[in-house]
């Protein structure tokens, strides 16, 4: 691991300071990639650490040092980015923490408050970590030894240059160390136990998480799936879109019913089934597209583990889901 004596910037003496129980490499957190003091970088990283200090205190091991911290966007498919629009910047908000032992991924709100989502991976699990791109297109690409890939995007120029230099040394230092062939693993926000993919509860403390099966049924009702995943703005937008689809379908049903019972329209003409066919087609297209997008969006949220107010019995949960041990 990169120890407190390790030099990253040439001619800059390593400086470790403590904020509570959190150990910080101040020579990295307050400088640019050339090793020069930077008030802008120092102010930004200090603000993130202050906001997330309780979370860092909880998840960092004794003696683990924070080398760098940055606000980024977590991986999202092109379809999610396109259909979610500007809201993706809120939905994918993440702070990544580079320590001497691992990468820590913290889901945050727009104000950088921790949002009860956490992932991690040790540096030995990585085959490569590259930073590239331009302007808002700068990305951090992670390739794991098990063949999986992950990326973070919308990285600032200063953060990209600093992370590139630090990551190069971290991967070089951990090359050849034992690994488990894992990618990013999610941790329980309460007890820090590893969570099995798609687990509905933690096998350690029993805390429950939102599940896809419930969300699938709720996607048939306006707003319900987004309310379930606590995405209020998207819930409002979905209420308008899916309600519109239901109104069109209701009018189509009315037209079919009128044709069957021999009703007349406002002009006195007998209603025909042809009156409802076009409306039925449009209504079904709008409805199915809305449900498809709703499910796609909410799969993205649920796969990042959203805690519920329910709690399963730990022993019962352990029988149903493989846990894999504790990190932290």
C-alpha atoms as a PDB file:
ATOM      1  CA  UNK A   1       0.000   0.000   0.000  1.00  0.00           C
ATOM      2  CA  UNK A   2       1.032   3.648  -0.295  1.00  0.00           C
ATOM      3  CA  UNK A   3       2.317   4.391   3.199  1.00  0.00           C
ATOM      4  CA  UNK A   4       2.580   7.752   4.906  1.00  0.00           C
ATOM      5  CA  UNK A   5       6.256   7.884   3.880  1.00  0.00           C
ATOM      6  CA  UNK A   6       5.542   7.411   0.161  1.00  0.00           C
ATOM      7  CA  UNK A   7       6.407  10.397  -2.042  1.00  0.00           C
ATOM      8  CA  UNK A   8       3.960  11.135  -4.854  1.00  0.00           C
ATOM      9  CA  UNK A   9       5.043  14.656  -5.810  1.00  0.00           C
ATOM     10  CA  UNK A  10       8.763  15.098  -6.337  1.00  0.00           C
ATOM     11  CA  UNK A  11      10.385  17.337  -3.710  1.00  0.00           C
ATOM     12  CA  UNK A  12       7.181  17.463  -1.644  1.00  0.00           C
ATOM     13  CA  UNK A  13       7.437  15.891   1.793  1.00  0.00           C
ATOM     14  CA  UNK A  14       4.456  13.645   2.661  1.00  0.00           C
ATOM     15  CA  UNK A  15       2.213  15.323   5.236  1.00  0.00           C
ATOM     16  CA  UNK A  16      -0.397  13.376   7.179  1.00  0.00           C
ATOM     17  CA  UNK A  17      -2.935  15.297   9.270  1.00  0.00           C
ATOM     18  CA  UNK A  18      -5.841  14.014  11.317  1.00  0.00           C
ATOM     19  CA  UNK A  19      -9.364  15.326  11.301  1.00  0.00           C
ATOM     20  CA  UNK A  20     -10.966  13.401  14.119  1.00  0.00           C
ATOM     21  CA  UNK A  21     -10.025   9.785  13.429  1.00  0.00           C
ATOM     22  CA  UNK A  22      -9.693  10.358   9.656  1.00  0.00           C
ATOM     23  CA  UNK A  23      -6.094  10.437   8.370  1.00  0.00           C
ATOM     24  CA  UNK A  24      -5.535  12.787   5.415  1.00  0.00           C
ATOM     25  CA  UNK A  25      -2.574  13.077   3.048  1.00  0.00           C
ATOM     26  CA  UNK A  26      -2.515  16.850   2.986  1.00  0.00           C
ATOM     27  CA  UNK A  27       0.378  16.957   0.500  1.00  0.00           C
ATOM     28  CA  UNK A  28      -1.981  15.384  -2.082  1.00  0.00           C
ATOM     29  CA  UNK A  29      -5.354  16.857  -1.097  1.00  0.00           C
ATOM     30  CA  UNK A  30      -4.155  20.472  -1.247  1.00  0.00           C
ATOM     31  CA  UNK A  31      -1.935  20.441  -4.345  1.00  0.00           C
ATOM     32  CA  UNK A  32      -2.220  20.191  -8.108  1.00  0.00           C
ATOM     33  CA  UNK A  33      -0.717  17.380 -10.191  1.00  0.00           C
ATOM     34  CA  UNK A  34       2.635  19.219 -10.353  1.00  0.00           C
ATOM     35  CA  UNK A  35       2.846  19.318  -6.566  1.00  0.00           C
ATOM     36  CA  UNK A  36       2.152  23.063  -6.295  1.00  0.00           C
ATOM     37  CA  UNK A  37      -0.132  24.427  -3.584  1.00  0.00           C
ATOM     38  CA  UNK A  38      -3.638  25.039  -4.923  1.00  0.00           C
ATOM     39  CA  UNK A  39      -6.180  27.006  -2.894  1.00  0.00           C
ATOM     40  CA  UNK A  40      -8.966  25.897  -5.228  1.00  0.00           C
ATOM     41  CA  UNK A  41      -8.242  22.170  -4.871  1.00  0.00           C
ATOM     42  CA  UNK A  42      -7.620  22.484  -1.127  1.00  0.00           C
ATOM     43  CA  UNK A  43     -10.928  24.329  -0.614  1.00  0.00           C
ATOM     44  CA  UNK A  44     -12.907  21.830  -2.674  1.00  0.00           C
ATOM     45  CA  UNK A  45     -11.448  18.699  -1.082  1.00  0.00           C
ATOM     46  CA  UNK A  46     -11.694  20.180   2.406  1.00  0.00           C
ATOM     47  CA  UNK A  47     -15.397  20.948   1.897  1.00  0.00           C
ATOM     48  CA  UNK A  48     -16.101  17.373   0.756  1.00  0.00           C
ATOM     49  CA  UNK A  49     -14.210  15.884   3.701  1.00  0.00           C
ATOM     50  CA  UNK A  50     -16.017  18.140   6.171  1.00  0.00           C
ATOM     51  CA  UNK A  51     -19.410  17.201   4.730  1.00  0.00           C
ATOM     52  CA  UNK A  52     -18.630  13.459   4.655  1.00  0.00           C
ATOM     53  CA  UNK A  53     -16.493  13.157   7.787  1.00  0.00           C
ATOM     54  CA  UNK A  54     -19.050  11.058   9.755  1.00  0.00           C
ATOM     55  CA  UNK A  55     -19.320   8.664   6.814  1.00  0.00           C
ATOM     56  CA  UNK A  56     -15.558   8.445   6.350  1.00  0.00           C
ATOM     57  CA  UNK A  57     -15.118   7.838  10.079  1.00  0.00           C
ATOM     58  CA  UNK A  58     -17.556   4.943   9.836  1.00  0.00           C
ATOM     59  CA  UNK A  59     -16.146   3.201   6.761  1.00  0.00           C
ATOM     60  CA  UNK A  60     -12.395   3.814   6.922  1.00  0.00           C
ATOM     61  CA  UNK A  61     -10.209   1.289   8.742  1.00  0.00           C
ATOM     62  CA  UNK A  62      -7.795   2.283  11.485  1.00  0.00           C
ATOM     63  CA  UNK A  63      -4.671   3.714   9.892  1.00  0.00           C
ATOM     64  CA  UNK A  64      -6.227   3.984   6.427  1.00  0.00           C
ATOM     65  CA  UNK A  65      -5.227   7.238   4.743  1.00  0.00           C
ATOM     66  CA  UNK A  66      -7.310   9.398   2.408  1.00  0.00           C
ATOM     67  CA  UNK A  67      -5.120  10.307  -0.561  1.00  0.00           C
ATOM     68  CA  UNK A  68      -7.719  12.103  -2.682  1.00  0.00           C
ATOM     69  CA  UNK A  69     -11.458  12.824  -2.823  1.00  0.00           C
ATOM     70  CA  UNK A  70     -13.568  14.064  -5.723  1.00  0.00           C
ATOM     71  CA  UNK A  71     -17.188  14.630  -6.754  1.00  0.00           C
ATOM     72  CA  UNK A  72     -18.025  12.676  -9.956  1.00  0.00           C
ATOM     73  CA  UNK A  73     -20.960  10.952 -11.682  1.00  0.00           C
ATOM     74  CA  UNK A  74     -21.329   7.187 -11.414  1.00  0.00           C
ATOM     75  CA  UNK A  75     -21.702   4.964 -14.444  1.00  0.00           C
ATOM     76  CA  UNK A  76     -24.976   5.271 -16.379  1.00  0.00           C
ATOM     77  CA  UNK A  77     -25.902   3.855 -19.764  1.00  0.00           C
ATOM     78  CA  UNK A  78     -26.435   6.148 -22.743  1.00  0.00           C
ATOM     79  CA  UNK A  79     -30.162   5.377 -22.693  1.00  0.00           C
ATOM     80  CA  UNK A  80     -30.449   6.427 -19.048  1.00  0.00           C
ATOM     81  CA  UNK A  81     -28.517   9.645 -19.654  1.00  0.00           C
ATOM     82  CA  UNK A  82     -30.597  10.502 -22.732  1.00  0.00           C
ATOM     83  CA  UNK A  83     -34.038   9.748 -21.260  1.00  0.00           C
ATOM     84  CA  UNK A  84     -33.311  11.244 -17.840  1.00  0.00           C
ATOM     85  CA  UNK A  85     -31.906  14.481 -19.258  1.00  0.00           C
ATOM     86  CA  UNK A  86     -30.401  17.005 -16.866  1.00  0.00           C
ATOM     87  CA  UNK A  87     -31.727  15.045 -13.862  1.00  0.00           C
ATOM     88  CA  UNK A  88     -28.958  12.473 -14.394  1.00  0.00           C
ATOM     89  CA  UNK A  89     -26.563  14.890 -12.681  1.00  0.00           C
ATOM     90  CA  UNK A  90     -28.613  14.505  -9.488  1.00  0.00           C
ATOM     91  CA  UNK A  91     -29.391  10.798  -9.923  1.00  0.00           C
ATOM     92  CA  UNK A  92     -25.767   9.719 -10.440  1.00  0.00           C
ATOM     93  CA  UNK A  93     -24.034  12.065  -7.994  1.00  0.00           C
ATOM     94  CA  UNK A  94     -21.109  10.267  -6.339  1.00  0.00           C
ATOM     95  CA  UNK A  95     -18.025  11.071  -4.313  1.00  0.00           C
ATOM     96  CA  UNK A  96     -15.058   8.750  -4.789  1.00  0.00           C
ATOM     97  CA  UNK A  97     -12.354   8.478  -2.162  1.00  0.00           C
ATOM     98  CA  UNK A  98      -8.903   7.164  -3.047  1.00  0.00           C
ATOM     99  CA  UNK A  99      -7.223   5.691   0.009  1.00  0.00           C
ATOM    100  CA  UNK A 100      -3.927   3.860   0.365  1.00  0.00           C
ATOM    101  CA  UNK A 101      -5.888   0.573   0.434  1.00  0.00           C
ATOM    102  CA  UNK A 102      -8.927   0.890  -1.818  1.00  0.00           C
ATOM    103  CA  UNK A 103     -11.425   2.976  -3.736  1.00  0.00           C
ATOM    104  CA  UNK A 104     -14.481   4.035  -1.759  1.00  0.00           C
ATOM    105  CA  UNK A 105     -17.624   5.025  -3.684  1.00  0.00           C
ATOM    106  CA  UNK A 106     -20.212   7.089  -1.785  1.00  0.00           C
ATOM    107  CA  UNK A 107     -23.630   7.902  -3.255  1.00  0.00           C
ATOM    108  CA  UNK A 108     -24.492  11.495  -2.388  1.00  0.00           C
ATOM    109  CA  UNK A 109     -27.247  14.058  -2.794  1.00  0.00           C
ATOM    110  CA  UNK A 110     -26.784  17.211  -4.822  1.00  0.00           C
ATOM    111  CA  UNK A 111     -25.522  18.946  -1.664  1.00  0.00           C
ATOM    112  CA  UNK A 112     -22.927  16.165  -1.127  1.00  0.00           C
ATOM    113  CA  UNK A 113     -24.729  14.599   1.818  1.00  0.00           C
ATOM    114  CA  UNK A 114     -24.213  10.835   1.987  1.00  0.00           C
ATOM    115  CA  UNK A 115     -27.286   9.039   0.580  1.00  0.00           C
ATOM    116  CA  UNK A 116     -26.801   5.644   2.295  1.00  0.00           C
ATOM    117  CA  UNK A 117     -25.129   4.015  -0.713  1.00  0.00           C
ATOM    118  CA  UNK A 118     -21.555   2.727  -0.594  1.00  0.00           C
ATOM    119  CA  UNK A 119     -19.355   0.535  -2.794  1.00  0.00           C
ATOM    120  CA  UNK A 120     -15.703  -0.381  -2.567  1.00  0.00           C
ATOM    121  CA  UNK A 121     -12.872  -2.333  -4.160  1.00  0.00           C
ATOM    122  CA  UNK A 122      -9.279  -2.950  -3.146  1.00  0.00           C
ATOM    123  CA  UNK A 123      -6.575  -1.765  -5.538  1.00  0.00           C
ATOM    124  CA  UNK A 124      -5.400  -5.338  -6.080  1.00  0.00           C
ATOM    125  CA  UNK A 125      -8.703  -6.098  -7.875  1.00  0.00           C
ATOM    126  CA  UNK A 126      -7.911  -3.638 -10.660  1.00  0.00           C
ATOM    127  CA  UNK A 127      -6.179  -4.548 -13.891  1.00  0.00           C
ATOM    128  CA  UNK A 128      -6.069  -0.903 -14.982  1.00  0.00           C
ATOM    129  CA  UNK A 129      -7.403   2.544 -14.102  1.00  0.00           C
ATOM    130  CA  UNK A 130      -7.164   5.223 -16.779  1.00  0.00           C
ATOM    131  CA  UNK A 131      -8.275   8.839 -16.842  1.00  0.00           C
ATOM    132  CA  UNK A 132      -8.944  10.530 -20.160  1.00  0.00           C
ATOM    133  CA  UNK A 133     -11.222  12.701 -22.255  1.00  0.00           C
ATOM    134  CA  UNK A 134     -11.843  16.436 -22.537  1.00  0.00           C
ATOM    135  CA  UNK A 135     -13.821  19.027 -20.557  1.00  0.00           C
ATOM    136  CA  UNK A 136     -17.061  17.466 -19.206  1.00  0.00           C
ATOM    137  CA  UNK A 137     -16.167  14.295 -21.095  1.00  0.00           C
ATOM    138  CA  UNK A 138     -13.312  13.339 -18.755  1.00  0.00           C
ATOM    139  CA  UNK A 139     -13.831   9.843 -17.418  1.00  0.00           C
ATOM    140  CA  UNK A 140     -12.152   7.401 -15.067  1.00  0.00           C
ATOM    141  CA  UNK A 141     -12.259   3.917 -16.578  1.00  0.00           C
ATOM    142  CA  UNK A 142     -11.757   0.947 -14.274  1.00  0.00           C
ATOM    143  CA  UNK A 143     -11.020  -2.524 -15.626  1.00  0.00           C
ATOM    144  CA  UNK A 144     -11.088  -5.342 -13.083  1.00  0.00           C
ATOM    145  CA  UNK A 145      -9.169  -8.605 -13.117  1.00  0.00           C
ATOM    146  CA  UNK A 146     -12.446 -10.542 -13.483  1.00  0.00           C
ATOM    147  CA  UNK A 147     -13.063  -8.797 -16.817  1.00  0.00           C
ATOM    148  CA  UNK A 148     -15.777  -6.361 -15.733  1.00  0.00           C
ATOM    149  CA  UNK A 149     -15.553  -2.632 -16.369  1.00  0.00           C
ATOM    150  CA  UNK A 150     -16.893   0.477 -14.675  1.00  0.00           C
ATOM    151  CA  UNK A 151     -16.496   4.166 -15.257  1.00  0.00           C
ATOM    152  CA  UNK A 152     -17.006   7.529 -13.604  1.00  0.00           C
ATOM    153  CA  UNK A 153     -17.627  10.636 -15.694  1.00  0.00           C
ATOM    154  CA  UNK A 154     -17.886  14.429 -15.505  1.00  0.00           C
ATOM    155  CA  UNK A 155     -14.543  14.697 -13.761  1.00  0.00           C
ATOM    156  CA  UNK A 156     -12.941  18.134 -13.490  1.00  0.00           C
ATOM    157  CA  UNK A 157      -9.572  18.765 -15.138  1.00  0.00           C
ATOM    158  CA  UNK A 158      -7.786  19.288 -11.810  1.00  0.00           C
ATOM    159  CA  UNK A 159      -9.252  16.105 -10.314  1.00  0.00           C
ATOM    160  CA  UNK A 160      -8.478  14.109 -13.470  1.00  0.00           C
ATOM    161  CA  UNK A 161      -4.811  15.125 -13.500  1.00  0.00           C
ATOM    162  CA  UNK A 162      -4.362  14.456  -9.782  1.00  0.00           C
ATOM    163  CA  UNK A 163      -6.128  11.091  -9.872  1.00  0.00           C
ATOM    164  CA  UNK A 164      -4.134  10.003 -12.910  1.00  0.00           C
ATOM    165  CA  UNK A 165      -0.867  10.546 -11.045  1.00  0.00           C
ATOM    166  CA  UNK A 166      -2.025   8.959  -7.785  1.00  0.00           C
ATOM    167  CA  UNK A 167      -3.701   5.951  -9.427  1.00  0.00           C
ATOM    168  CA  UNK A 168      -0.590   5.149 -11.407  1.00  0.00           C
ATOM    169  CA  UNK A 169       1.407   4.771  -8.201  1.00  0.00           C
ATOM    170  CA  UNK A 170      -1.364   2.907  -6.371  1.00  0.00           C
ATOM    171  CA  UNK A 171      -1.743   0.253  -9.058  1.00  0.00           C
ATOM    172  CA  UNK A 172       2.003  -0.123  -9.390  1.00  0.00           C
ATOM    173  CA  UNK A 173       2.365  -0.579  -5.630  1.00  0.00           C
ATOM    174  CA  UNK A 174      -0.387  -3.222  -5.423  1.00  0.00           C
ATOM    175  CA  UNK A 175       0.665  -5.155  -8.495  1.00  0.00           C
ATOM    176  CA  UNK A 176       1.136  -8.832  -7.677  1.00  0.00           C
ATOM    177  CA  UNK A 177      -0.794  -8.743  -4.385  1.00  0.00           C
ATOM    178  CA  UNK A 178      -3.572 -11.333  -3.759  1.00  0.00           C
ATOM    179  CA  UNK A 179      -7.045 -10.573  -5.094  1.00  0.00           C
ATOM    180  CA  UNK A 180     -10.549 -12.113  -5.041  1.00  0.00           C
ATOM    181  CA  UNK A 181     -11.525 -11.480  -8.700  1.00  0.00           C
ATOM    182  CA  UNK A 182     -14.262  -9.038  -7.636  1.00  0.00           C
ATOM    183  CA  UNK A 183     -15.377  -5.720  -9.048  1.00  0.00           C
ATOM    184  CA  UNK A 184     -17.018  -2.950  -7.005  1.00  0.00           C
ATOM    185  CA  UNK A 185     -18.972  -4.538  -4.163  1.00  0.00           C
ATOM    186  CA  UNK A 186     -21.817  -2.841  -2.309  1.00  0.00           C
ATOM    187  CA  UNK A 187     -21.700  -2.598   1.476  1.00  0.00           C
ATOM    188  CA  UNK A 188     -24.492  -2.391   4.017  1.00  0.00           C
ATOM    189  CA  UNK A 189     -24.811   1.252   5.110  1.00  0.00           C
ATOM    190  CA  UNK A 190     -25.297   0.136   8.719  1.00  0.00           C
ATOM    191  CA  UNK A 191     -23.024  -2.839   9.448  1.00  0.00           C
ATOM    192  CA  UNK A 192     -20.609  -2.624   6.447  1.00  0.00           C
ATOM    193  CA  UNK A 193     -21.169  -6.246   5.436  1.00  0.00           C
ATOM    194  CA  UNK A 194     -20.857  -7.103   1.747  1.00  0.00           C
ATOM    195  CA  UNK A 195     -24.233  -7.271   0.032  1.00  0.00           C
ATOM    196  CA  UNK A 196     -25.079 -10.042  -2.411  1.00  0.00           C
ATOM    197  CA  UNK A 197     -26.344  -8.753  -5.793  1.00  0.00           C
ATOM    198  CA  UNK A 198     -30.112  -8.094  -5.729  1.00  0.00           C
ATOM    199  CA  UNK A 199     -30.323  -8.874  -1.991  1.00  0.00           C
ATOM    200  CA  UNK A 200     -33.537  -7.617  -0.393  1.00  0.00           C
ATOM    201  CA  UNK A 201     -31.925  -7.401   3.054  1.00  0.00           C
ATOM    202  CA  UNK A 202     -28.538  -7.471   4.753  1.00  0.00           C
ATOM    203  CA  UNK A 203     -27.574 -10.882   6.111  1.00  0.00           C
ATOM    204  CA  UNK A 204     -25.794  -9.186   9.000  1.00  0.00           C
ATOM    205  CA  UNK A 205     -28.050  -6.544  10.526  1.00  0.00           C
ATOM    206  CA  UNK A 206     -31.232  -7.367   8.583  1.00  0.00           C
ATOM    207  CA  UNK A 207     -31.818  -3.899   7.131  1.00  0.00           C
ATOM    208  CA  UNK A 208     -34.108  -4.120   4.085  1.00  0.00           C
ATOM    209  CA  UNK A 209     -33.612  -2.717   0.593  1.00  0.00           C
ATOM    210  CA  UNK A 210     -35.945  -1.776  -2.248  1.00  0.00           C
ATOM    211  CA  UNK A 211     -36.556  -4.665  -4.680  1.00  0.00           C
ATOM    212  CA  UNK A 212     -37.224  -4.817  -8.424  1.00  0.00           C
ATOM    213  CA  UNK A 213     -40.258  -7.106  -8.211  1.00  0.00           C
ATOM    214  CA  UNK A 214     -42.277  -4.524  -6.288  1.00  0.00           C
ATOM    215  CA  UNK A 215     -41.071  -1.756  -8.592  1.00  0.00           C
ATOM    216  CA  UNK A 216     -42.205  -3.677 -11.699  1.00  0.00           C
ATOM    217  CA  UNK A 217     -45.817  -3.759 -10.469  1.00  0.00           C
ATOM    218  CA  UNK A 218     -45.706  -0.127  -9.371  1.00  0.00           C
ATOM    219  CA  UNK A 219     -44.477   0.929 -12.828  1.00  0.00           C
ATOM    220  CA  UNK A 220     -48.027   0.299 -14.092  1.00  0.00           C
ATOM    221  CA  UNK A 221     -49.349   3.169 -11.955  1.00  0.00           C
ATOM    222  CA  UNK A 222     -48.525   6.858 -12.565  1.00  0.00           C
ATOM    223  CA  UNK A 223     -45.613   8.029 -10.346  1.00  0.00           C
ATOM    224  CA  UNK A 224     -45.714   4.963  -8.081  1.00  0.00           C
ATOM    225  CA  UNK A 225     -42.376   3.385  -9.082  1.00  0.00           C
ATOM    226  CA  UNK A 226     -40.491   6.683  -8.715  1.00  0.00           C
ATOM    227  CA  UNK A 227     -42.128   7.363  -5.364  1.00  0.00           C
ATOM    228  CA  UNK A 228     -40.954   3.885  -4.317  1.00  0.00           C
ATOM    229  CA  UNK A 229     -37.348   4.814  -5.179  1.00  0.00           C
ATOM    230  CA  UNK A 230     -37.778   8.334  -3.757  1.00  0.00           C
ATOM    231  CA  UNK A 231     -37.236  10.240  -6.993  1.00  0.00           C
ATOM    232  CA  UNK A 232     -39.829  12.957  -6.598  1.00  0.00           C
ATOM    233  CA  UNK A 233     -39.142  15.062  -9.690  1.00  0.00           C
ATOM    234  CA  UNK A 234     -39.267  12.000 -11.954  1.00  0.00           C
ATOM    235  CA  UNK A 235     -42.449  10.915 -10.162  1.00  0.00           C
ATOM    236  CA  UNK A 236     -44.093  14.217 -11.137  1.00  0.00           C
ATOM    237  CA  UNK A 237     -42.998  13.836 -14.780  1.00  0.00           C
ATOM    238  CA  UNK A 238     -44.189  10.223 -14.875  1.00  0.00           C
ATOM    239  CA  UNK A 239     -47.570  11.211 -13.419  1.00  0.00           C
ATOM    240  CA  UNK A 240     -48.159  13.518 -16.385  1.00  0.00           C
ATOM    241  CA  UNK A 241     -46.937  11.072 -19.051  1.00  0.00           C
ATOM    242  CA  UNK A 242     -48.625   7.904 -17.813  1.00  0.00           C
ATOM    243  CA  UNK A 243     -51.848   9.698 -16.885  1.00  0.00           C
ATOM    244  CA  UNK A 244     -51.968  11.049 -20.446  1.00  0.00           C
ATOM    245  CA  UNK A 245     -51.608   7.476 -21.763  1.00  0.00           C
ATOM    246  CA  UNK A 246     -54.445   6.268 -19.535  1.00  0.00           C
ATOM    247  CA  UNK A 247     -56.699   9.128 -20.678  1.00  0.00           C
ATOM    248  CA  UNK A 248     -56.114   8.206 -24.343  1.00  0.00           C
ATOM    249  CA  UNK A 249     -56.805   4.538 -23.597  1.00  0.00           C
ATOM    250  CA  UNK A 250     -59.982   5.459 -21.703  1.00  0.00           C
ATOM    251  CA  UNK A 251     -61.235   7.476 -24.683  1.00  0.00           C
ATOM    252  CA  UNK A 252     -60.433   4.528 -26.970  1.00  0.00           C
ATOM    253  CA  UNK A 253     -62.406   2.175 -24.705  1.00  0.00           C
ATOM    254  CA  UNK A 254     -65.283   4.663 -24.710  1.00  0.00           C
ATOM    255  CA  UNK A 255     -65.243   4.680 -28.523  1.00  0.00           C
ATOM    256  CA  UNK A 256     -65.304   0.868 -28.718  1.00  0.00           C
ATOM    257  CA  UNK A 257     -68.077   0.708 -26.136  1.00  0.00           C
ATOM    258  CA  UNK A 258     -70.098   3.318 -28.014  1.00  0.00           C
ATOM    259  CA  UNK A 259     -69.777   1.366 -31.261  1.00  0.00           C
ATOM    260  CA  UNK A 260     -70.939  -1.820 -29.529  1.00  0.00           C
ATOM    261  CA  UNK A 261     -73.970  -0.187 -27.890  1.00  0.00           C
ATOM    262  CA  UNK A 262     -74.901   1.945 -30.907  1.00  0.00           C
ATOM    263  CA  UNK A 263     -74.185   5.327 -29.344  1.00  0.00           C
ATOM    264  CA  UNK A 264     -73.976   8.481 -31.431  1.00  0.00           C
ATOM    265  CA  UNK A 265     -71.240  11.095 -31.324  1.00  0.00           C
ATOM    266  CA  UNK A 266     -71.752  14.871 -30.911  1.00  0.00           C
ATOM    267  CA  UNK A 267     -72.667  15.272 -34.593  1.00  0.00           C
ATOM    268  CA  UNK A 268     -75.353  12.599 -34.391  1.00  0.00           C
ATOM    269  CA  UNK A 269     -73.312  10.041 -36.356  1.00  0.00           C
ATOM    270  CA  UNK A 270     -73.228   6.449 -35.097  1.00  0.00           C
ATOM    271  CA  UNK A 271     -69.937   5.624 -33.413  1.00  0.00           C
ATOM    272  CA  UNK A 272     -67.624   3.154 -35.178  1.00  0.00           C
ATOM    273  CA  UNK A 273     -64.831   0.896 -33.906  1.00  0.00           C
ATOM    274  CA  UNK A 274     -62.516   2.732 -36.308  1.00  0.00           C
ATOM    275  CA  UNK A 275     -62.880   5.773 -34.063  1.00  0.00           C
ATOM    276  CA  UNK A 276     -61.069   3.973 -31.291  1.00  0.00           C
ATOM    277  CA  UNK A 277     -58.355   2.122 -33.226  1.00  0.00           C
ATOM    278  CA  UNK A 278     -56.066   5.105 -33.709  1.00  0.00           C
ATOM    279  CA  UNK A 279     -56.488   6.214 -30.112  1.00  0.00           C
ATOM    280  CA  UNK A 280     -55.847   2.679 -28.885  1.00  0.00           C
ATOM    281  CA  UNK A 281     -52.593   2.473 -30.851  1.00  0.00           C
ATOM    282  CA  UNK A 282     -51.331   5.858 -29.646  1.00  0.00           C
ATOM    283  CA  UNK A 283     -52.339   5.144 -26.053  1.00  0.00           C
ATOM    284  CA  UNK A 284     -50.598   1.753 -26.025  1.00  0.00           C
ATOM    285  CA  UNK A 285     -47.399   3.172 -27.542  1.00  0.00           C
ATOM    286  CA  UNK A 286     -47.228   5.998 -24.979  1.00  0.00           C
ATOM    287  CA  UNK A 287     -48.050   3.643 -22.116  1.00  0.00           C
ATOM    288  CA  UNK A 288     -45.533   0.938 -23.071  1.00  0.00           C
ATOM    289  CA  UNK A 289     -42.753   3.448 -23.691  1.00  0.00           C
ATOM    290  CA  UNK A 290     -43.438   5.065 -20.335  1.00  0.00           C
ATOM    291  CA  UNK A 291     -43.358   1.711 -18.506  1.00  0.00           C
ATOM    292  CA  UNK A 292     -40.168   0.649 -20.306  1.00  0.00           C
ATOM    293  CA  UNK A 293     -38.337   3.870 -19.402  1.00  0.00           C
ATOM    294  CA  UNK A 294     -39.697   3.824 -15.848  1.00  0.00           C
ATOM    295  CA  UNK A 295     -38.413   0.282 -15.271  1.00  0.00           C
ATOM    296  CA  UNK A 296     -35.041   1.099 -16.843  1.00  0.00           C
ATOM    297  CA  UNK A 297     -34.587   4.178 -14.647  1.00  0.00           C
ATOM    298  CA  UNK A 298     -35.631   2.474 -11.439  1.00  0.00           C
ATOM    299  CA  UNK A 299     -33.503  -0.616 -12.075  1.00  0.00           C
ATOM    300  CA  UNK A 300     -30.567   1.811 -12.070  1.00  0.00           C
ATOM    301  CA  UNK A 301     -31.602   3.196  -8.681  1.00  0.00           C
ATOM    302  CA  UNK A 302     -32.454  -0.140  -7.042  1.00  0.00           C
ATOM    303  CA  UNK A 303     -29.229  -1.835  -8.161  1.00  0.00           C
ATOM    304  CA  UNK A 304     -27.395   0.737  -6.013  1.00  0.00           C
ATOM    305  CA  UNK A 305     -29.278  -0.504  -2.893  1.00  0.00           C
ATOM    306  CA  UNK A 306     -31.856   1.860  -1.404  1.00  0.00           C
ATOM    307  CA  UNK A 307     -32.543   1.135   2.301  1.00  0.00           C
ATOM    308  CA  UNK A 308     -36.115   0.707   3.525  1.00  0.00           C
ATOM    309  CA  UNK A 309     -37.651   1.151   6.974  1.00  0.00           C
ATOM    310  CA  UNK A 310     -38.183  -2.604   7.267  1.00  0.00           C
ATOM    311  CA  UNK A 311     -35.762  -4.998   8.899  1.00  0.00           C
ATOM    312  CA  UNK A 312     -35.525  -8.758   8.342  1.00  0.00           C
ATOM    313  CA  UNK A 313     -34.420 -11.146  11.063  1.00  0.00           C
ATOM    314  CA  UNK A 314     -30.613 -11.505  10.593  1.00  0.00           C
ATOM    315  CA  UNK A 315     -30.629 -15.308  10.874  1.00  0.00           C
ATOM    316  CA  UNK A 316     -33.445 -15.613   8.342  1.00  0.00           C
ATOM    317  CA  UNK A 317     -31.699 -13.204   5.964  1.00  0.00           C
ATOM    318  CA  UNK A 318     -28.437 -15.157   6.200  1.00  0.00           C
ATOM    319  CA  UNK A 319     -30.155 -18.313   4.992  1.00  0.00           C
ATOM    320  CA  UNK A 320     -31.549 -16.552   1.914  1.00  0.00           C
ATOM    321  CA  UNK A 321     -28.580 -14.509   0.710  1.00  0.00           C
ATOM    322  CA  UNK A 322     -24.820 -15.126   0.444  1.00  0.00           C
ATOM    323  CA  UNK A 323     -22.993 -12.327   2.221  1.00  0.00           C
ATOM    324  CA  UNK A 324     -19.285 -12.828   1.666  1.00  0.00           C
ATOM    325  CA  UNK A 325     -17.925 -11.230   4.836  1.00  0.00           C
ATOM    326  CA  UNK A 326     -17.180  -7.738   6.073  1.00  0.00           C
ATOM    327  CA  UNK A 327     -15.019  -4.988   4.671  1.00  0.00           C
ATOM    328  CA  UNK A 328     -14.077  -2.125   6.943  1.00  0.00           C
END
